[in-house]
């Protein structure tokens, strides 16, 4: 069995930290571009490397993890009216209308 000296964070696990960072960066990028989130909210990527050794202190399990802190989706609000015992809402021009057809009891 051959061994390779670890001299950089990118050497750990054959570069797994870079792969995890890239996945997290894609999540952050998608969240930044999502118009349902605040443009000014801060996003973050946290890289955690945890070492746990054996009793002889010569073998270490290394856990590598990238986590993201994303902006939450903004709440939507609307106003509805009660008109002749029926709830109604003013149509919004930018809102897509989903036509499910007329329901029948057949």
PDB file of N, CA and C in Angstrom:
ATOM      1  N   UNK A   1       0.845  -1.168   0.000  1.00  0.00           N
ATOM      2  CA  UNK A   1       0.000   0.000   0.000  1.00  0.00           C
ATOM      3  C   UNK A   1       0.895   1.236   0.000  1.00  0.00           C
ATOM      4  N   UNK A   2       0.556   2.186  -0.877  1.00  0.00           N
ATOM      5  CA  UNK A   2       1.360   3.401  -0.932  1.00  0.00           C
ATOM      6  C   UNK A   2       0.589   4.557  -0.291  1.00  0.00           C
ATOM      7  N   UNK A   3       1.339   5.520   0.193  1.00  0.00           N
ATOM      8  CA  UNK A   3       0.760   6.676   0.878  1.00  0.00           C
ATOM      9  C   UNK A   3       1.231   7.955   0.214  1.00  0.00           C
ATOM     10  N   UNK A   4       0.445   8.990   0.342  1.00  0.00           N
ATOM     11  CA  UNK A   4       0.779  10.295  -0.212  1.00  0.00           C
ATOM     12  C   UNK A   4       0.728  11.314   0.916  1.00  0.00           C
ATOM     13  N   UNK A   5       1.738  12.140   1.012  1.00  0.00           N
ATOM     14  CA  UNK A   5       1.774  13.167   2.050  1.00  0.00           C
ATOM     15  C   UNK A   5       0.678  14.202   1.800  1.00  0.00           C
ATOM     16  N   UNK A   6       0.027  14.606   2.878  1.00  0.00           N
ATOM     17  CA  UNK A   6      -0.990  15.650   2.805  1.00  0.00           C
ATOM     18  C   UNK A   6      -0.316  16.974   3.134  1.00  0.00           C
ATOM     19  N   UNK A   7      -0.284  17.859   2.155  1.00  0.00           N
ATOM     20  CA  UNK A   7       0.345  19.161   2.353  1.00  0.00           C
ATOM     21  C   UNK A   7      -0.631  20.315   2.148  1.00  0.00           C
ATOM     22  N   UNK A   8      -1.856  19.980   1.740  1.00  0.00           N
ATOM     23  CA  UNK A   8      -2.856  21.012   1.450  1.00  0.00           C
ATOM     24  C   UNK A   8      -4.248  20.461   1.735  1.00  0.00           C
ATOM     25  N   UNK A   9      -5.166  21.351   1.961  1.00  0.00           N
ATOM     26  CA  UNK A   9      -6.560  20.939   2.189  1.00  0.00           C
ATOM     27  C   UNK A   9      -7.101  20.156   1.004  1.00  0.00           C
ATOM     28  N   UNK A  10      -6.624  20.449  -0.184  1.00  0.00           N
ATOM     29  CA  UNK A  10      -7.109  19.763  -1.380  1.00  0.00           C
ATOM     30  C   UNK A  10      -6.598  18.327  -1.483  1.00  0.00           C
ATOM     31  N   UNK A  11      -5.619  17.954  -0.662  1.00  0.00           N
ATOM     32  CA  UNK A  11      -5.100  16.578  -0.668  1.00  0.00           C
ATOM     33  C   UNK A  11      -5.989  15.622   0.127  1.00  0.00           C
ATOM     34  N   UNK A  12      -6.776  16.140   1.054  1.00  0.00           N
ATOM     35  CA  UNK A  12      -7.585  15.284   1.933  1.00  0.00           C
ATOM     36  C   UNK A  12      -8.667  14.588   1.124  1.00  0.00           C
ATOM     37  N   UNK A  13      -8.720  13.285   1.232  1.00  0.00           N
ATOM     38  CA  UNK A  13      -9.756  12.504   0.560  1.00  0.00           C
ATOM     39  C   UNK A  13      -9.749  12.626  -0.947  1.00  0.00           C
ATOM     40  N   UNK A  14      -8.604  12.875  -1.518  1.00  0.00           N
ATOM     41  CA  UNK A  14      -8.523  12.984  -2.973  1.00  0.00           C
ATOM     42  C   UNK A  14      -9.233  14.203  -3.537  1.00  0.00           C
ATOM     43  N   UNK A  15      -9.334  15.254  -2.747  1.00  0.00           N
ATOM     44  CA  UNK A  15      -9.951  16.490  -3.220  1.00  0.00           C
ATOM     45  C   UNK A  15     -11.435  16.607  -2.927  1.00  0.00           C
ATOM     46  N   UNK A  16     -11.927  15.781  -2.008  1.00  0.00           N
ATOM     47  CA  UNK A  16     -13.357  15.774  -1.701  1.00  0.00           C
ATOM     48  C   UNK A  16     -13.855  17.118  -1.165  1.00  0.00           C
ATOM     49  N   UNK A  17     -13.021  17.859  -0.466  1.00  0.00           N
ATOM     50  CA  UNK A  17     -13.457  19.151   0.066  1.00  0.00           C
ATOM     51  C   UNK A  17     -13.767  20.131  -1.067  1.00  0.00           C
ATOM     52  N   UNK A  18     -12.986  20.064  -2.130  1.00  0.00           N
ATOM     53  CA  UNK A  18     -13.252  20.906  -3.301  1.00  0.00           C
ATOM     54  C   UNK A  18     -14.572  20.545  -3.961  1.00  0.00           C
ATOM     55  N   UNK A  19     -14.850  19.250  -4.058  1.00  0.00           N
ATOM     56  CA  UNK A  19     -16.111  18.792  -4.637  1.00  0.00           C
ATOM     57  C   UNK A  19     -17.294  19.259  -3.789  1.00  0.00           C
ATOM     58  N   UNK A  20     -17.162  19.128  -2.477  1.00  0.00           N
ATOM     59  CA  UNK A  20     -18.248  19.554  -1.594  1.00  0.00           C
ATOM     60  C   UNK A  20     -18.438  21.069  -1.659  1.00  0.00           C
ATOM     61  N   UNK A  21     -17.337  21.812  -1.711  1.00  0.00           N
ATOM     62  CA  UNK A  21     -17.435  23.264  -1.828  1.00  0.00           C
ATOM     63  C   UNK A  21     -18.140  23.658  -3.120  1.00  0.00           C
ATOM     64  N   UNK A  22     -17.800  22.999  -4.221  1.00  0.00           N
ATOM     65  CA  UNK A  22     -18.415  23.321  -5.504  1.00  0.00           C
ATOM     66  C   UNK A  22     -19.926  23.063  -5.484  1.00  0.00           C
ATOM     67  N   UNK A  23     -20.354  21.956  -4.848  1.00  0.00           N
ATOM     68  CA  UNK A  23     -21.787  21.677  -4.723  1.00  0.00           C
ATOM     69  C   UNK A  23     -22.474  22.763  -3.883  1.00  0.00           C
ATOM     70  N   UNK A  24     -21.843  23.141  -2.775  1.00  0.00           N
ATOM     71  CA  UNK A  24     -22.407  24.181  -1.913  1.00  0.00           C
ATOM     72  C   UNK A  24     -22.468  25.517  -2.649  1.00  0.00           C
ATOM     73  N   UNK A  25     -21.461  25.805  -3.451  1.00  0.00           N
ATOM     74  CA  UNK A  25     -21.428  27.050  -4.218  1.00  0.00           C
ATOM     75  C   UNK A  25     -22.575  27.096  -5.224  1.00  0.00           C
ATOM     76  N   UNK A  26     -22.909  25.967  -5.822  1.00  0.00           N
ATOM     77  CA  UNK A  26     -24.047  25.906  -6.739  1.00  0.00           C
ATOM     78  C   UNK A  26     -25.356  26.194  -5.997  1.00  0.00           C
ATOM     79  N   UNK A  27     -25.495  25.675  -4.773  1.00  0.00           N
ATOM     80  CA  UNK A  27     -26.686  25.955  -3.956  1.00  0.00           C
ATOM     81  C   UNK A  27     -26.782  27.450  -3.659  1.00  0.00           C
ATOM     82  N   UNK A  28     -25.664  28.050  -3.289  1.00  0.00           N
ATOM     83  CA  UNK A  28     -25.640  29.484  -2.986  1.00  0.00           C
ATOM     84  C   UNK A  28     -25.981  30.289  -4.235  1.00  0.00           C
ATOM     85  N   UNK A  29     -25.403  29.905  -5.362  1.00  0.00           N
ATOM     86  CA  UNK A  29     -25.666  30.625  -6.608  1.00  0.00           C
ATOM     87  C   UNK A  29     -27.154  30.567  -6.964  1.00  0.00           C
ATOM     88  N   UNK A  30     -27.761  29.393  -6.864  1.00  0.00           N
ATOM     89  CA  UNK A  30     -29.194  29.254  -7.164  1.00  0.00           C
ATOM     90  C   UNK A  30     -30.023  30.110  -6.207  1.00  0.00           C
ATOM     91  N   UNK A  31     -29.634  30.154  -4.930  1.00  0.00           N
ATOM     92  CA  UNK A  31     -30.360  30.937  -3.939  1.00  0.00           C
ATOM     93  C   UNK A  31     -30.210  32.433  -4.210  1.00  0.00           C
ATOM     94  N   UNK A  32     -29.029  32.861  -4.643  1.00  0.00           N
ATOM     95  CA  UNK A  32     -28.804  34.270  -4.970  1.00  0.00           C
ATOM     96  C   UNK A  32     -29.665  34.706  -6.144  1.00  0.00           C
ATOM     97  N   UNK A  33     -29.882  33.827  -7.104  1.00  0.00           N
ATOM     98  CA  UNK A  33     -30.645  34.156  -8.302  1.00  0.00           C
ATOM     99  C   UNK A  33     -32.150  33.961  -8.123  1.00  0.00           C
ATOM    100  N   UNK A  34     -32.570  33.363  -7.031  1.00  0.00           N
ATOM    101  CA  UNK A  34     -33.985  33.091  -6.774  1.00  0.00           C
ATOM    102  C   UNK A  34     -34.695  34.383  -6.381  1.00  0.00           C
ATOM    103  N   UNK A  35     -35.617  34.850  -7.219  1.00  0.00           N
ATOM    104  CA  UNK A  35     -36.307  36.109  -6.947  1.00  0.00           C
ATOM    105  C   UNK A  35     -37.251  36.003  -5.753  1.00  0.00           C
ATOM    106  N   UNK A  36     -37.495  34.802  -5.272  1.00  0.00           N
ATOM    107  CA  UNK A  36     -38.350  34.618  -4.092  1.00  0.00           C
ATOM    108  C   UNK A  36     -37.568  34.788  -2.795  1.00  0.00           C
ATOM    109  N   UNK A  37     -36.276  35.120  -2.888  1.00  0.00           N
ATOM    110  CA  UNK A  37     -35.459  35.363  -1.700  1.00  0.00           C
ATOM    111  C   UNK A  37     -34.995  36.816  -1.695  1.00  0.00           C
ATOM    112  N   UNK A  38     -34.590  37.280  -0.539  1.00  0.00           N
ATOM    113  CA  UNK A  38     -34.087  38.649  -0.406  1.00  0.00           C
ATOM    114  C   UNK A  38     -32.751  38.786  -1.135  1.00  0.00           C
ATOM    115  N   UNK A  39     -32.639  39.833  -1.938  1.00  0.00           N
ATOM    116  CA  UNK A  39     -31.389  40.071  -2.668  1.00  0.00           C
ATOM    117  C   UNK A  39     -30.255  40.448  -1.726  1.00  0.00           C
ATOM    118  N   UNK A  40     -30.588  41.086  -0.597  1.00  0.00           N
ATOM    119  CA  UNK A  40     -29.562  41.594   0.311  1.00  0.00           C
ATOM    120  C   UNK A  40     -29.196  40.627   1.436  1.00  0.00           C
ATOM    121  N   UNK A  41     -29.937  39.540   1.570  1.00  0.00           N
ATOM    122  CA  UNK A  41     -29.640  38.577   2.639  1.00  0.00           C
ATOM    123  C   UNK A  41     -28.268  37.957   2.411  1.00  0.00           C
ATOM    124  N   UNK A  42     -27.560  37.706   3.494  1.00  0.00           N
ATOM    125  CA  UNK A  42     -26.238  37.092   3.405  1.00  0.00           C
ATOM    126  C   UNK A  42     -26.376  35.583   3.292  1.00  0.00           C
ATOM    127  N   UNK A  43     -25.550  35.002   2.462  1.00  0.00           N
ATOM    128  CA  UNK A  43     -25.468  33.552   2.331  1.00  0.00           C
ATOM    129  C   UNK A  43     -24.075  33.146   2.775  1.00  0.00           C
ATOM    130  N   UNK A  44     -23.935  31.879   3.212  1.00  0.00           N
ATOM    131  CA  UNK A  44     -22.603  31.449   3.628  1.00  0.00           C
ATOM    132  C   UNK A  44     -22.379  29.973   3.316  1.00  0.00           C
ATOM    133  N   UNK A  45     -21.115  29.647   3.208  1.00  0.00           N
ATOM    134  CA  UNK A  45     -20.672  28.262   3.074  1.00  0.00           C
ATOM    135  C   UNK A  45     -19.719  28.005   4.229  1.00  0.00           C
ATOM    136  N   UNK A  46     -19.961  26.927   4.972  1.00  0.00           N
ATOM    137  CA  UNK A  46     -19.097  26.554   6.090  1.00  0.00           C
ATOM    138  C   UNK A  46     -18.459  25.211   5.756  1.00  0.00           C
ATOM    139  N   UNK A  47     -17.146  25.177   5.788  1.00  0.00           N
ATOM    140  CA  UNK A  47     -16.404  23.937   5.578  1.00  0.00           C
ATOM    141  C   UNK A  47     -15.937  23.433   6.942  1.00  0.00           C
ATOM    142  N   UNK A  48     -16.310  22.202   7.285  1.00  0.00           N
ATOM    143  CA  UNK A  48     -15.928  21.625   8.568  1.00  0.00           C
ATOM    144  C   UNK A  48     -15.098  20.377   8.315  1.00  0.00           C
ATOM    145  N   UNK A  49     -13.944  20.326   8.945  1.00  0.00           N
ATOM    146  CA  UNK A  49     -13.081  19.147   8.873  1.00  0.00           C
ATOM    147  C   UNK A  49     -12.878  18.668  10.301  1.00  0.00           C
ATOM    148  N   UNK A  50     -13.319  17.436  10.583  1.00  0.00           N
ATOM    149  CA  UNK A  50     -13.257  16.881  11.930  1.00  0.00           C
ATOM    150  C   UNK A  50     -12.300  15.698  11.946  1.00  0.00           C
ATOM    151  N   UNK A  51     -11.399  15.697  12.909  1.00  0.00           N
ATOM    152  CA  UNK A  51     -10.418  14.624  13.063  1.00  0.00           C
ATOM    153  C   UNK A  51     -10.729  13.833  14.331  1.00  0.00           C
ATOM    154  N   UNK A  52     -10.741  12.505  14.233  1.00  0.00           N
ATOM    155  CA  UNK A  52     -10.932  11.630  15.400  1.00  0.00           C
ATOM    156  C   UNK A  52      -9.855  10.544  15.337  1.00  0.00           C
ATOM    157  N   UNK A  53      -9.000  10.507  16.359  1.00  0.00           N
ATOM    158  CA  UNK A  53      -7.875   9.573  16.359  1.00  0.00           C
ATOM    159  C   UNK A  53      -8.140   8.316  17.161  1.00  0.00           C
ATOM    160  N   UNK A  54      -7.297   7.310  16.925  1.00  0.00           N
ATOM    161  CA  UNK A  54      -7.368   6.081  17.725  1.00  0.00           C
ATOM    162  C   UNK A  54      -6.519   6.257  18.989  1.00  0.00           C
ATOM    163  N   UNK A  55      -6.499   5.238  19.853  1.00  0.00           N
ATOM    164  CA  UNK A  55      -5.749   5.310  21.120  1.00  0.00           C
ATOM    165  C   UNK A  55      -4.254   5.513  20.906  1.00  0.00           C
ATOM    166  N   UNK A  56      -3.719   4.963  19.835  1.00  0.00           N
ATOM    167  CA  UNK A  56      -2.288   5.097  19.557  1.00  0.00           C
ATOM    168  C   UNK A  56      -1.932   6.418  18.872  1.00  0.00           C
ATOM    169  N   UNK A  57      -2.943   7.169  18.516  1.00  0.00           N
ATOM    170  CA  UNK A  57      -2.755   8.467  17.861  1.00  0.00           C
ATOM    171  C   UNK A  57      -1.963   8.374  16.564  1.00  0.00           C
ATOM    172  N   UNK A  58      -2.191   7.282  15.836  1.00  0.00           N
ATOM    173  CA  UNK A  58      -1.473   7.139  14.570  1.00  0.00           C
ATOM    174  C   UNK A  58      -2.417   6.961  13.374  1.00  0.00           C
ATOM    175  N   UNK A  59      -3.697   6.765  13.650  1.00  0.00           N
ATOM    176  CA  UNK A  59      -4.701   6.661  12.582  1.00  0.00           C
ATOM    177  C   UNK A  59      -5.840   7.615  12.940  1.00  0.00           C
ATOM    178  N   UNK A  60      -6.255   8.402  11.974  1.00  0.00           N
ATOM    179  CA  UNK A  60      -7.296   9.396  12.210  1.00  0.00           C
ATOM    180  C   UNK A  60      -8.381   9.294  11.145  1.00  0.00           C
ATOM    181  N   UNK A  61      -9.603   9.253  11.608  1.00  0.00           N
ATOM    182  CA  UNK A  61     -10.744   9.340  10.703  1.00  0.00           C
ATOM    183  C   UNK A  61     -10.983  10.830  10.472  1.00  0.00           C
ATOM    184  N   UNK A  62     -11.124  11.222   9.241  1.00  0.00           N
ATOM    185  CA  UNK A  62     -11.328  12.627   8.899  1.00  0.00           C
ATOM    186  C   UNK A  62     -12.678  12.751   8.206  1.00  0.00           C
ATOM    187  N   UNK A  63     -13.522  13.575   8.800  1.00  0.00           N
ATOM    188  CA  UNK A  63     -14.832  13.843   8.212  1.00  0.00           C
ATOM    189  C   UNK A  63     -14.807  15.234   7.614  1.00  0.00           C
ATOM    190  N   UNK A  64     -15.220  15.331   6.368  1.00  0.00           N
ATOM    191  CA  UNK A  64     -15.230  16.601   5.649  1.00  0.00           C
ATOM    192  C   UNK A  64     -16.678  16.910   5.278  1.00  0.00           C
ATOM    193  N   UNK A  65     -17.107  18.140   5.588  1.00  0.00           N
ATOM    194  CA  UNK A  65     -18.496  18.484   5.322  1.00  0.00           C
ATOM    195  C   UNK A  65     -18.615  19.960   4.953  1.00  0.00           C
ATOM    196  N   UNK A  66     -19.370  20.234   3.902  1.00  0.00           N
ATOM    197  CA  UNK A  66     -19.684  21.606   3.508  1.00  0.00           C
ATOM    198  C   UNK A  66     -21.167  21.823   3.744  1.00  0.00           C
ATOM    199  N   UNK A  67     -21.504  22.889   4.468  1.00  0.00           N
ATOM    200  CA  UNK A  67     -22.909  23.224   4.707  1.00  0.00           C
ATOM    201  C   UNK A  67     -23.155  24.649   4.224  1.00  0.00           C
ATOM    202  N   UNK A  68     -24.408  24.927   3.897  1.00  0.00           N
ATOM    203  CA  UNK A  68     -24.758  26.257   3.404  1.00  0.00           C
ATOM    204  C   UNK A  68     -25.753  26.929   4.341  1.00  0.00           C
ATOM    205  N   UNK A  69     -25.684  28.217   4.370  1.00  0.00           N
ATOM    206  CA  UNK A  69     -26.685  29.045   5.041  1.00  0.00           C
ATOM    207  C   UNK A  69     -27.304  29.915   3.963  1.00  0.00           C
ATOM    208  N   UNK A  70     -28.533  29.603   3.597  1.00  0.00           N
ATOM    209  CA  UNK A  70     -29.178  30.281   2.479  1.00  0.00           C
ATOM    210  C   UNK A  70     -30.249  31.244   2.977  1.00  0.00           C
ATOM    211  N   UNK A  71     -30.641  32.155   2.107  1.00  0.00           N
ATOM    212  CA  UNK A  71     -31.722  33.082   2.431  1.00  0.00           C
ATOM    213  C   UNK A  71     -33.048  32.336   2.323  1.00  0.00           C
ATOM    214  N   UNK A  72     -33.940  32.541   3.275  1.00  0.00           N
ATOM    215  CA  UNK A  72     -35.244  31.868   3.195  1.00  0.00           C
ATOM    216  C   UNK A  72     -36.108  32.482   2.102  1.00  0.00           C
ATOM    217  N   UNK A  73     -37.057  31.719   1.632  1.00  0.00           N
ATOM    218  CA  UNK A  73     -38.021  32.225   0.655  1.00  0.00           C
ATOM    219  C   UNK A  73     -38.916  33.248   1.352  1.00  0.00           C
ATOM    220  N   UNK A  74     -39.130  34.380   0.682  1.00  0.00           N
ATOM    221  CA  UNK A  74     -39.954  35.442   1.247  1.00  0.00           C
ATOM    222  C   UNK A  74     -41.421  35.000   1.302  1.00  0.00           C
ATOM    223  N   UNK A  75     -42.126  35.481   2.301  1.00  0.00           N
ATOM    224  CA  UNK A  75     -43.560  35.196   2.418  1.00  0.00           C
ATOM    225  C   UNK A  75     -44.309  36.026   1.382  1.00  0.00           C
ATOM    226  N   UNK A  76     -45.368  35.458   0.848  1.00  0.00           N
ATOM    227  CA  UNK A  76     -46.257  36.184  -0.064  1.00  0.00           C
ATOM    228  C   UNK A  76     -47.522  36.544   0.703  1.00  0.00           C
ATOM    229  N   UNK A  77     -48.061  37.719   0.431  1.00  0.00           N
ATOM    230  CA  UNK A  77     -49.316  38.127   1.061  1.00  0.00           C
ATOM    231  C   UNK A  77     -50.296  38.562  -0.016  1.00  0.00           C
ATOM    232  N   UNK A  78     -51.555  38.440   0.277  1.00  0.00           N
ATOM    233  CA  UNK A  78     -52.617  38.861  -0.635  1.00  0.00           C
ATOM    234  C   UNK A  78     -53.811  39.281   0.197  1.00  0.00           C
ATOM    235  N   UNK A  79     -54.764  39.933  -0.439  1.00  0.00           N
ATOM    236  CA  UNK A  79     -56.005  40.315   0.227  1.00  0.00           C
ATOM    237  C   UNK A  79     -57.155  39.602  -0.460  1.00  0.00           C
ATOM    238  N   UNK A  80     -58.040  39.051   0.342  1.00  0.00           N
ATOM    239  CA  UNK A  80     -59.225  38.421  -0.209  1.00  0.00           C
ATOM    240  C   UNK A  80     -60.456  39.093   0.380  1.00  0.00           C
ATOM    241  N   UNK A  81     -61.526  39.080  -0.369  1.00  0.00           N
ATOM    242  CA  UNK A  81     -62.778  39.692   0.051  1.00  0.00           C
ATOM    243  C   UNK A  81     -63.830  38.607   0.196  1.00  0.00           C
ATOM    244  N   UNK A  82     -64.763  38.848   1.072  1.00  0.00           N
ATOM    245  CA  UNK A  82     -65.910  37.956   1.202  1.00  0.00           C
ATOM    246  C   UNK A  82     -67.085  38.690   0.571  1.00  0.00           C
ATOM    247  N   UNK A  83     -67.520  38.208  -0.585  1.00  0.00           N
ATOM    248  CA  UNK A  83     -68.566  38.871  -1.359  1.00  0.00           C
ATOM    249  C   UNK A  83     -69.711  37.895  -1.581  1.00  0.00           C
ATOM    250  N   UNK A  84     -70.878  38.197  -1.023  1.00  0.00           N
ATOM    251  CA  UNK A  84     -72.052  37.313  -1.141  1.00  0.00           C
ATOM    252  C   UNK A  84     -71.729  35.892  -0.706  1.00  0.00           C
ATOM    253  N   UNK A  85     -71.025  35.775   0.409  1.00  0.00           N
ATOM    254  CA  UNK A  85     -70.677  34.479   1.004  1.00  0.00           C
ATOM    255  C   UNK A  85     -69.682  33.666   0.158  1.00  0.00           C
ATOM    256  N   UNK A  86     -68.913  34.356  -0.711  1.00  0.00           N
ATOM    257  CA  UNK A  86     -67.905  33.712  -1.556  1.00  0.00           C
ATOM    258  C   UNK A  86     -66.604  34.500  -1.413  1.00  0.00           C
ATOM    259  N   UNK A  87     -65.507  33.795  -1.221  1.00  0.00           N
ATOM    260  CA  UNK A  87     -64.208  34.463  -1.186  1.00  0.00           C
ATOM    261  C   UNK A  87     -63.783  34.808  -2.609  1.00  0.00           C
ATOM    262  N   UNK A  88     -63.335  36.047  -2.815  1.00  0.00           N
ATOM    263  CA  UNK A  88     -62.830  36.481  -4.124  1.00  0.00           C
ATOM    264  C   UNK A  88     -61.531  37.237  -3.915  1.00  0.00           C
ATOM    265  N   UNK A  89     -60.757  37.279  -4.973  1.00  0.00           N
ATOM    266  CA  UNK A  89     -59.464  37.970  -4.927  1.00  0.00           C
ATOM    267  C   UNK A  89     -59.265  38.675  -6.256  1.00  0.00           C
ATOM    268  N   UNK A  90     -58.688  39.856  -6.217  1.00  0.00           N
ATOM    269  CA  UNK A  90     -58.380  40.578  -7.440  1.00  0.00           C
ATOM    270  C   UNK A  90     -57.243  39.856  -8.153  1.00  0.00           C
ATOM    271  N   UNK A  91     -57.417  39.654  -9.452  1.00  0.00           N
ATOM    272  CA  UNK A  91     -56.370  38.979 -10.218  1.00  0.00           C
ATOM    273  C   UNK A  91     -55.156  39.874 -10.325  1.00  0.00           C
ATOM    274  N   UNK A  92     -53.983  39.261 -10.217  1.00  0.00           N
ATOM    275  CA  UNK A  92     -52.732  39.998 -10.335  1.00  0.00           C
ATOM    276  C   UNK A  92     -52.200  39.778 -11.748  1.00  0.00           C
ATOM    277  N   UNK A  93     -51.863  40.844 -12.468  1.00  0.00           N
ATOM    278  CA  UNK A  93     -51.434  40.696 -13.864  1.00  0.00           C
ATOM    279  C   UNK A  93     -50.212  39.798 -14.058  1.00  0.00           C
ATOM    280  N   UNK A  94     -49.282  39.794 -13.096  1.00  0.00           N
ATOM    281  CA  UNK A  94     -48.067  39.001 -13.248  1.00  0.00           C
ATOM    282  C   UNK A  94     -48.258  37.550 -12.818  1.00  0.00           C
ATOM    283  N   UNK A  95     -49.424  37.240 -12.255  1.00  0.00           N
ATOM    284  CA  UNK A  95     -49.664  35.902 -11.729  1.00  0.00           C
ATOM    285  C   UNK A  95     -50.218  34.994 -12.822  1.00  0.00           C
ATOM    286  N   UNK A  96     -49.662  33.804 -12.934  1.00  0.00           N
ATOM    287  CA  UNK A  96     -50.171  32.828 -13.885  1.00  0.00           C
ATOM    288  C   UNK A  96     -51.479  32.262 -13.369  1.00  0.00           C
ATOM    289  N   UNK A  97     -52.419  32.054 -14.242  1.00  0.00           N
ATOM    290  CA  UNK A  97     -53.711  31.485 -13.878  1.00  0.00           C
ATOM    291  C   UNK A  97     -53.709  30.027 -14.303  1.00  0.00           C
ATOM    292  N   UNK A  98     -54.020  29.144 -13.378  1.00  0.00           N
ATOM    293  CA  UNK A  98     -54.088  27.714 -13.658  1.00  0.00           C
ATOM    294  C   UNK A  98     -55.550  27.359 -13.838  1.00  0.00           C
ATOM    295  N   UNK A  99     -55.933  26.993 -15.051  1.00  0.00           N
ATOM    296  CA  UNK A  99     -57.317  26.645 -15.355  1.00  0.00           C
ATOM    297  C   UNK A  99     -57.461  25.135 -15.258  1.00  0.00           C
ATOM    298  N   UNK A 100     -58.181  24.691 -14.236  1.00  0.00           N
ATOM    299  CA  UNK A 100     -58.385  23.254 -14.041  1.00  0.00           C
ATOM    300  C   UNK A 100     -59.694  22.793 -14.664  1.00  0.00           C
ATOM    301  N   UNK A 101     -60.384  23.669 -15.353  1.00  0.00           N
ATOM    302  CA  UNK A 101     -61.663  23.304 -15.952  1.00  0.00           C
ATOM    303  C   UNK A 101     -62.753  23.310 -14.904  1.00  0.00           C
ATOM    304  N   UNK A 102     -63.967  23.037 -15.330  1.00  0.00           N
ATOM    305  CA  UNK A 102     -65.096  23.035 -14.414  1.00  0.00           C
ATOM    306  C   UNK A 102     -65.241  21.662 -13.778  1.00  0.00           C
ATOM    307  N   UNK A 103     -65.420  21.632 -12.472  1.00  0.00           N
ATOM    308  CA  UNK A 103     -65.621  20.379 -11.776  1.00  0.00           C
ATOM    309  C   UNK A 103     -67.080  19.945 -11.924  1.00  0.00           C
ATOM    310  N   UNK A 104     -67.294  18.663 -12.154  1.00  0.00           N
ATOM    311  CA  UNK A 104     -68.653  18.146 -12.270  1.00  0.00           C
ATOM    312  C   UNK A 104     -68.804  16.945 -11.355  1.00  0.00           C
ATOM    313  N   UNK A 105     -70.017  16.700 -10.932  1.00  0.00           N
ATOM    314  CA  UNK A 105     -70.324  15.536 -10.088  1.00  0.00           C
ATOM    315  C   UNK A 105     -70.949  14.443 -10.930  1.00  0.00           C
ATOM    316  N   UNK A 106     -70.200  13.788 -11.733  1.00  0.00           N
ATOM    317  CA  UNK A 106     -70.736  12.730 -12.589  1.00  0.00           C
ATOM    318  C   UNK A 106     -70.238  11.391 -12.125  1.00  0.00           C
TER     319      UNK A 106
END
